[in-house]
Amino acid sequence: QFLIITFPEQILFDSGKAQMKTAAEPTLTKVAAFIINHPELSVEVQGHTDDRPIRSQRYPSNWELSADRATQVARTLLELGANPRQVATKGFGEYRPVVPNLSDPDRLKNRRVEIQFSLPQS
């Protein structure tokens, strides 16, 4: 069993960027406190994009962008006191959309970071 919190892109990042917005910190402070208070949980930060190609020098593909976004969120959680032994990151690029990328509103739904909390398997 697991619980997933989804953060739409616009809450955490500007489009095509992986620098966290300062407005996201109060929410991530609460998430970090939850992690601190639940040391039994495994936490996976997952980055997702839409299907529009990105080809910048920093991000040759959506995989790099999604992985960097997940890493930035995880880094913020660690800076806020979360235990790094509990936290992992994954970048999925455009390969796990929640809806088909048929319109701009749908693409916006697919650009997200998800934080998955789970109990370790014994």
N, C-alpha and C. Protein backbone atom coordinates (compact mmCIF):
# COMPACT_ATOMS: atom_id res chain seq x y z
N GLN A 1 0.84 -1.19 0.00
CA GLN A 1 0.00 0.00 0.00
C GLN A 1 0.88 1.24 0.00
N PHE A 2 0.37 2.27 -0.66
CA PHE A 2 1.11 3.51 -0.70
C PHE A 2 0.16 4.69 -0.87
N LEU A 3 0.69 5.86 -0.60
CA LEU A 3 -0.02 7.12 -0.74
C LEU A 3 0.80 8.01 -1.66
N ILE A 4 0.14 8.68 -2.60
CA ILE A 4 0.84 9.58 -3.52
C ILE A 4 0.27 10.99 -3.37
N ILE A 5 1.17 11.96 -3.23
CA ILE A 5 0.80 13.38 -3.29
C ILE A 5 1.29 13.89 -4.63
N THR A 6 0.41 14.54 -5.38
CA THR A 6 0.77 15.07 -6.69
C THR A 6 0.87 16.59 -6.63
N PHE A 7 1.99 17.11 -7.13
CA PHE A 7 2.20 18.55 -7.23
C PHE A 7 2.21 18.93 -8.70
N PRO A 8 1.19 19.66 -9.17
CA PRO A 8 1.23 20.13 -10.55
C PRO A 8 2.46 21.02 -10.77
N GLU A 9 2.96 21.00 -11.99
CA GLU A 9 4.17 21.74 -12.33
C GLU A 9 4.13 23.19 -11.84
N GLN A 10 3.01 23.88 -12.08
CA GLN A 10 2.96 25.31 -11.81
C GLN A 10 3.14 25.65 -10.33
N ILE A 11 2.92 24.70 -9.44
CA ILE A 11 3.12 24.95 -8.01
C ILE A 11 4.61 24.97 -7.67
N LEU A 12 5.39 24.11 -8.34
CA LEU A 12 6.79 23.95 -8.00
C LEU A 12 7.77 24.63 -8.94
N PHE A 13 7.44 24.68 -10.24
CA PHE A 13 8.41 25.11 -11.25
C PHE A 13 7.77 25.98 -12.32
N ASP A 14 8.62 26.75 -13.00
CA ASP A 14 8.21 27.39 -14.24
C ASP A 14 8.38 26.37 -15.36
N SER A 15 7.63 26.52 -16.44
CA SER A 15 7.67 25.56 -17.54
C SER A 15 9.08 25.42 -18.10
N GLY A 16 9.52 24.16 -18.26
CA GLY A 16 10.83 23.88 -18.82
C GLY A 16 11.99 24.10 -17.87
N LYS A 17 11.71 24.42 -16.62
CA LYS A 17 12.76 24.70 -15.63
C LYS A 17 12.69 23.69 -14.49
N ALA A 18 13.81 23.61 -13.74
CA ALA A 18 13.83 22.73 -12.57
C ALA A 18 14.24 23.48 -11.31
N GLN A 19 14.28 24.81 -11.39
CA GLN A 19 14.56 25.59 -10.19
C GLN A 19 13.25 25.76 -9.43
N MET A 20 13.28 25.35 -8.16
CA MET A 20 12.07 25.40 -7.34
C MET A 20 11.60 26.83 -7.12
N LYS A 21 10.29 27.01 -7.13
CA LYS A 21 9.71 28.30 -6.76
C LYS A 21 9.76 28.42 -5.23
N THR A 22 10.07 29.59 -4.73
CA THR A 22 10.12 29.78 -3.27
C THR A 22 8.74 29.60 -2.64
N ALA A 23 7.69 29.82 -3.41
CA ALA A 23 6.33 29.66 -2.88
C ALA A 23 6.02 28.20 -2.52
N ALA A 24 6.80 27.26 -3.02
CA ALA A 24 6.57 25.85 -2.74
C ALA A 24 7.10 25.43 -1.37
N GLU A 25 7.98 26.23 -0.78
CA GLU A 25 8.65 25.80 0.45
C GLU A 25 7.71 25.53 1.62
N PRO A 26 6.69 26.35 1.89
CA PRO A 26 5.81 26.03 3.02
C PRO A 26 5.14 24.66 2.90
N THR A 27 4.72 24.31 1.69
CA THR A 27 4.10 22.99 1.49
C THR A 27 5.13 21.89 1.68
N LEU A 28 6.32 22.06 1.12
CA LEU A 28 7.35 21.03 1.25
C LEU A 28 7.85 20.93 2.69
N THR A 29 7.75 22.01 3.45
CA THR A 29 8.10 21.95 4.88
C THR A 29 7.15 20.99 5.60
N LYS A 30 5.87 21.04 5.25
CA LYS A 30 4.90 20.12 5.85
C LYS A 30 5.18 18.67 5.43
N VAL A 31 5.55 18.47 4.18
CA VAL A 31 5.87 17.12 3.70
C VAL A 31 7.10 16.60 4.44
N ALA A 32 8.12 17.45 4.58
CA ALA A 32 9.34 17.04 5.30
C ALA A 32 9.02 16.68 6.74
N ALA A 33 8.17 17.45 7.39
CA ALA A 33 7.78 17.15 8.78
C ALA A 33 7.07 15.80 8.85
N PHE A 34 6.24 15.50 7.87
CA PHE A 34 5.55 14.22 7.83
C PHE A 34 6.58 13.08 7.72
N ILE A 35 7.57 13.26 6.85
CA ILE A 35 8.61 12.24 6.67
C ILE A 35 9.40 12.06 7.97
N ILE A 36 9.76 13.16 8.61
CA ILE A 36 10.51 13.11 9.87
C ILE A 36 9.72 12.34 10.92
N ASN A 37 8.41 12.57 10.97
CA ASN A 37 7.56 11.92 11.97
C ASN A 37 7.18 10.49 11.62
N HIS A 38 7.57 10.01 10.44
CA HIS A 38 7.25 8.65 10.00
C HIS A 38 8.51 7.99 9.43
N PRO A 39 9.46 7.68 10.31
CA PRO A 39 10.73 7.11 9.83
C PRO A 39 10.60 5.72 9.22
N GLU A 40 9.44 5.10 9.39
CA GLU A 40 9.22 3.76 8.83
C GLU A 40 8.88 3.81 7.34
N LEU A 41 8.57 4.99 6.81
CA LEU A 41 8.14 5.11 5.42
C LEU A 41 9.31 5.21 4.45
N SER A 42 9.11 4.65 3.27
CA SER A 42 9.99 4.91 2.13
C SER A 42 9.33 6.01 1.30
N VAL A 43 10.13 6.92 0.79
CA VAL A 43 9.61 8.06 0.05
C VAL A 43 10.29 8.09 -1.32
N GLU A 44 9.47 8.12 -2.37
CA GLU A 44 10.02 8.20 -3.72
C GLU A 44 9.47 9.46 -4.38
N VAL A 45 10.36 10.33 -4.83
CA VAL A 45 9.98 11.55 -5.51
C VAL A 45 10.10 11.28 -7.01
N GLN A 46 8.98 11.42 -7.73
CA GLN A 46 8.91 11.07 -9.14
C GLN A 46 8.62 12.31 -9.99
N GLY A 47 9.46 12.54 -10.99
CA GLY A 47 9.25 13.65 -11.92
C GLY A 47 8.60 13.16 -13.20
N HIS A 48 7.65 13.96 -13.72
CA HIS A 48 6.93 13.62 -14.95
C HIS A 48 6.83 14.87 -15.83
N THR A 49 6.83 14.67 -17.14
CA THR A 49 6.66 15.78 -18.09
C THR A 49 5.54 15.45 -19.06
N ASP A 50 5.26 16.39 -19.95
CA ASP A 50 4.35 16.09 -21.06
C ASP A 50 5.17 15.53 -22.22
N ASP A 51 4.55 15.40 -23.40
CA ASP A 51 5.25 14.78 -24.52
C ASP A 51 5.92 15.79 -25.45
N ARG A 52 5.87 17.06 -25.12
CA ARG A 52 6.53 18.05 -25.97
C ARG A 52 8.04 17.92 -25.82
N PRO A 53 8.75 17.78 -26.93
CA PRO A 53 10.21 17.62 -26.82
C PRO A 53 10.86 18.86 -26.22
N ILE A 54 11.87 18.62 -25.41
CA ILE A 54 12.71 19.71 -24.89
C ILE A 54 14.12 19.37 -25.32
N ARG A 55 14.78 20.32 -25.91
CA ARG A 55 16.14 20.07 -26.36
C ARG A 55 17.00 21.29 -26.04
N SER A 56 17.25 21.48 -24.77
CA SER A 56 18.13 22.56 -24.37
C SER A 56 19.49 21.95 -24.06
N GLN A 57 20.48 22.81 -23.87
CA GLN A 57 21.81 22.29 -23.53
C GLN A 57 21.77 21.54 -22.21
N ARG A 58 20.99 22.06 -21.26
CA ARG A 58 20.90 21.42 -19.95
C ARG A 58 20.03 20.16 -19.98
N TYR A 59 18.98 20.19 -20.79
CA TYR A 59 18.03 19.07 -20.84
C TYR A 59 17.89 18.57 -22.28
N PRO A 60 18.69 17.59 -22.67
CA PRO A 60 18.57 17.05 -24.03
C PRO A 60 17.25 16.31 -24.26
N SER A 61 16.59 15.89 -23.16
CA SER A 61 15.30 15.21 -23.30
C SER A 61 14.47 15.45 -22.04
N ASN A 62 13.21 15.03 -22.09
CA ASN A 62 12.33 15.17 -20.94
C ASN A 62 12.77 14.31 -19.77
N TRP A 63 13.52 13.25 -20.04
CA TRP A 63 14.02 12.42 -18.94
C TRP A 63 14.92 13.22 -18.01
N GLU A 64 15.83 13.97 -18.58
CA GLU A 64 16.73 14.78 -17.75
C GLU A 64 15.97 15.83 -16.96
N LEU A 65 14.99 16.48 -17.61
CA LEU A 65 14.19 17.49 -16.92
C LEU A 65 13.41 16.85 -15.77
N SER A 66 12.76 15.72 -16.03
CA SER A 66 11.95 15.09 -14.98
C SER A 66 12.83 14.60 -13.83
N ALA A 67 13.99 14.06 -14.14
CA ALA A 67 14.90 13.59 -13.09
C ALA A 67 15.44 14.75 -12.27
N ASP A 68 15.76 15.87 -12.93
CA ASP A 68 16.27 17.04 -12.21
C ASP A 68 15.19 17.61 -11.30
N ARG A 69 13.96 17.66 -11.77
CA ARG A 69 12.88 18.17 -10.94
C ARG A 69 12.67 17.29 -9.71
N ALA A 70 12.69 15.98 -9.89
CA ALA A 70 12.55 15.07 -8.75
C ALA A 70 13.70 15.29 -7.77
N THR A 71 14.90 15.45 -8.30
CA THR A 71 16.08 15.67 -7.45
C THR A 71 15.96 16.97 -6.68
N GLN A 72 15.49 18.02 -7.32
CA GLN A 72 15.35 19.32 -6.64
C GLN A 72 14.35 19.24 -5.50
N VAL A 73 13.24 18.54 -5.72
CA VAL A 73 12.25 18.39 -4.65
C VAL A 73 12.85 17.56 -3.52
N ALA A 74 13.53 16.47 -3.85
CA ALA A 74 14.15 15.63 -2.81
C ALA A 74 15.20 16.42 -2.04
N ARG A 75 16.01 17.19 -2.73
CA ARG A 75 17.04 17.99 -2.07
C ARG A 75 16.40 18.97 -1.09
N THR A 76 15.31 19.59 -1.49
CA THR A 76 14.61 20.52 -0.60
C THR A 76 14.10 19.79 0.64
N LEU A 77 13.52 18.60 0.44
CA LEU A 77 13.04 17.82 1.59
C LEU A 77 14.18 17.49 2.54
N LEU A 78 15.35 17.15 2.01
CA LEU A 78 16.50 16.84 2.86
C LEU A 78 16.98 18.08 3.59
N GLU A 79 17.01 19.21 2.90
CA GLU A 79 17.42 20.47 3.55
C GLU A 79 16.46 20.83 4.68
N LEU A 80 15.22 20.39 4.57
CA LEU A 80 14.21 20.66 5.60
C LEU A 80 14.21 19.59 6.69
N GLY A 81 15.14 18.66 6.63
CA GLY A 81 15.32 17.72 7.73
C GLY A 81 14.93 16.28 7.46
N ALA A 82 14.40 15.97 6.27
CA ALA A 82 14.04 14.58 5.97
C ALA A 82 15.30 13.72 5.93
N ASN A 83 15.15 12.47 6.33
CA ASN A 83 16.26 11.52 6.37
C ASN A 83 16.58 11.04 4.95
N PRO A 84 17.81 11.24 4.47
CA PRO A 84 18.14 10.82 3.11
C PRO A 84 18.04 9.32 2.89
N ARG A 85 18.08 8.53 3.96
CA ARG A 85 17.94 7.07 3.80
C ARG A 85 16.52 6.68 3.41
N GLN A 86 15.57 7.57 3.63
CA GLN A 86 14.17 7.29 3.30
C GLN A 86 13.81 7.73 1.88
N VAL A 87 14.60 8.61 1.28
CA VAL A 87 14.18 9.33 0.07
C VAL A 87 14.94 8.84 -1.16
N ALA A 88 14.19 8.56 -2.23
CA ALA A 88 14.76 8.21 -3.52
C ALA A 88 14.10 9.06 -4.60
N THR A 89 14.73 9.13 -5.77
CA THR A 89 14.16 9.91 -6.87
C THR A 89 14.09 9.07 -8.14
N LYS A 90 13.11 9.41 -8.99
CA LYS A 90 12.99 8.80 -10.31
C LYS A 90 12.48 9.85 -11.28
N GLY A 91 13.00 9.82 -12.48
CA GLY A 91 12.49 10.67 -13.56
C GLY A 91 11.87 9.79 -14.63
N PHE A 92 10.61 10.03 -14.94
CA PHE A 92 9.89 9.21 -15.92
C PHE A 92 9.69 9.92 -17.25
N GLY A 93 10.14 11.18 -17.37
CA GLY A 93 9.91 11.90 -18.62
C GLY A 93 8.44 11.94 -18.97
N GLU A 94 8.16 11.73 -20.26
CA GLU A 94 6.76 11.77 -20.72
C GLU A 94 6.10 10.41 -20.74
N TYR A 95 6.75 9.39 -20.17
CA TYR A 95 6.32 8.01 -20.39
C TYR A 95 5.27 7.48 -19.42
N ARG A 96 4.83 8.28 -18.46
CA ARG A 96 3.74 7.85 -17.57
C ARG A 96 2.70 8.98 -17.42
N PRO A 97 2.06 9.34 -18.52
CA PRO A 97 1.05 10.41 -18.44
C PRO A 97 -0.18 9.96 -17.65
N VAL A 98 -0.83 10.91 -17.00
CA VAL A 98 -2.09 10.60 -16.31
C VAL A 98 -3.27 10.71 -17.27
N VAL A 99 -3.11 11.50 -18.32
CA VAL A 99 -4.12 11.64 -19.38
C VAL A 99 -3.37 11.74 -20.71
N PRO A 100 -4.02 11.41 -21.84
CA PRO A 100 -3.36 11.57 -23.14
C PRO A 100 -2.98 13.03 -23.37
N ASN A 101 -1.85 13.26 -24.02
CA ASN A 101 -1.35 14.61 -24.30
C ASN A 101 -2.03 15.19 -25.54
N LEU A 102 -3.35 15.37 -25.48
CA LEU A 102 -4.10 15.81 -26.66
C LEU A 102 -4.38 17.30 -26.69
N SER A 103 -4.18 17.99 -25.57
CA SER A 103 -4.47 19.43 -25.51
C SER A 103 -3.53 20.07 -24.50
N ASP A 104 -3.46 21.39 -24.51
CA ASP A 104 -2.62 22.09 -23.53
C ASP A 104 -3.06 21.82 -22.10
N PRO A 105 -4.38 21.84 -21.79
CA PRO A 105 -4.78 21.51 -20.41
C PRO A 105 -4.37 20.09 -20.00
N ASP A 106 -4.43 19.14 -20.95
CA ASP A 106 -4.01 17.78 -20.63
C ASP A 106 -2.50 17.71 -20.42
N ARG A 107 -1.75 18.40 -21.25
CA ARG A 107 -0.29 18.41 -21.08
C ARG A 107 0.07 18.99 -19.72
N LEU A 108 -0.66 20.01 -19.30
CA LEU A 108 -0.40 20.63 -17.99
C LEU A 108 -0.61 19.61 -16.87
N LYS A 109 -1.62 18.76 -16.99
CA LYS A 109 -1.87 17.73 -15.97
C LYS A 109 -0.72 16.73 -15.89
N ASN A 110 -0.07 16.48 -17.01
CA ASN A 110 1.01 15.50 -17.04
C ASN A 110 2.33 16.04 -16.51
N ARG A 111 2.48 17.35 -16.49
CA ARG A 111 3.71 17.96 -15.96
C ARG A 111 3.55 18.09 -14.45
N ARG A 112 4.20 17.17 -13.72
CA ARG A 112 3.96 17.10 -12.29
C ARG A 112 5.12 16.41 -11.59
N VAL A 113 5.14 16.58 -10.27
CA VAL A 113 6.02 15.79 -9.41
C VAL A 113 5.12 15.07 -8.42
N GLU A 114 5.35 13.78 -8.28
CA GLU A 114 4.58 12.98 -7.34
C GLU A 114 5.52 12.50 -6.23
N ILE A 115 5.02 12.54 -5.01
CA ILE A 115 5.77 12.00 -3.87
C ILE A 115 4.97 10.80 -3.39
N GLN A 116 5.61 9.63 -3.47
CA GLN A 116 4.96 8.37 -3.09
C GLN A 116 5.52 7.89 -1.74
N PHE A 117 4.62 7.66 -0.81
CA PHE A 117 4.98 7.16 0.51
C PHE A 117 4.55 5.70 0.58
N SER A 118 5.44 4.85 1.05
CA SER A 118 5.07 3.43 1.19
C SER A 118 5.81 2.81 2.37
N LEU A 119 5.22 1.75 2.87
CA LEU A 119 5.89 0.97 3.91
C LEU A 119 6.86 0.03 3.22
N PRO A 120 8.06 -0.12 3.78
CA PRO A 120 9.01 -1.04 3.13
C PRO A 120 8.48 -2.45 3.11
N GLN A 121 8.77 -3.17 2.06
CA GLN A 121 8.33 -4.56 1.96
C GLN A 121 9.25 -5.42 2.81
N SER A 122 8.63 -6.31 3.59
CA SER A 122 9.46 -7.14 4.49
C SER A 122 9.65 -8.53 3.94
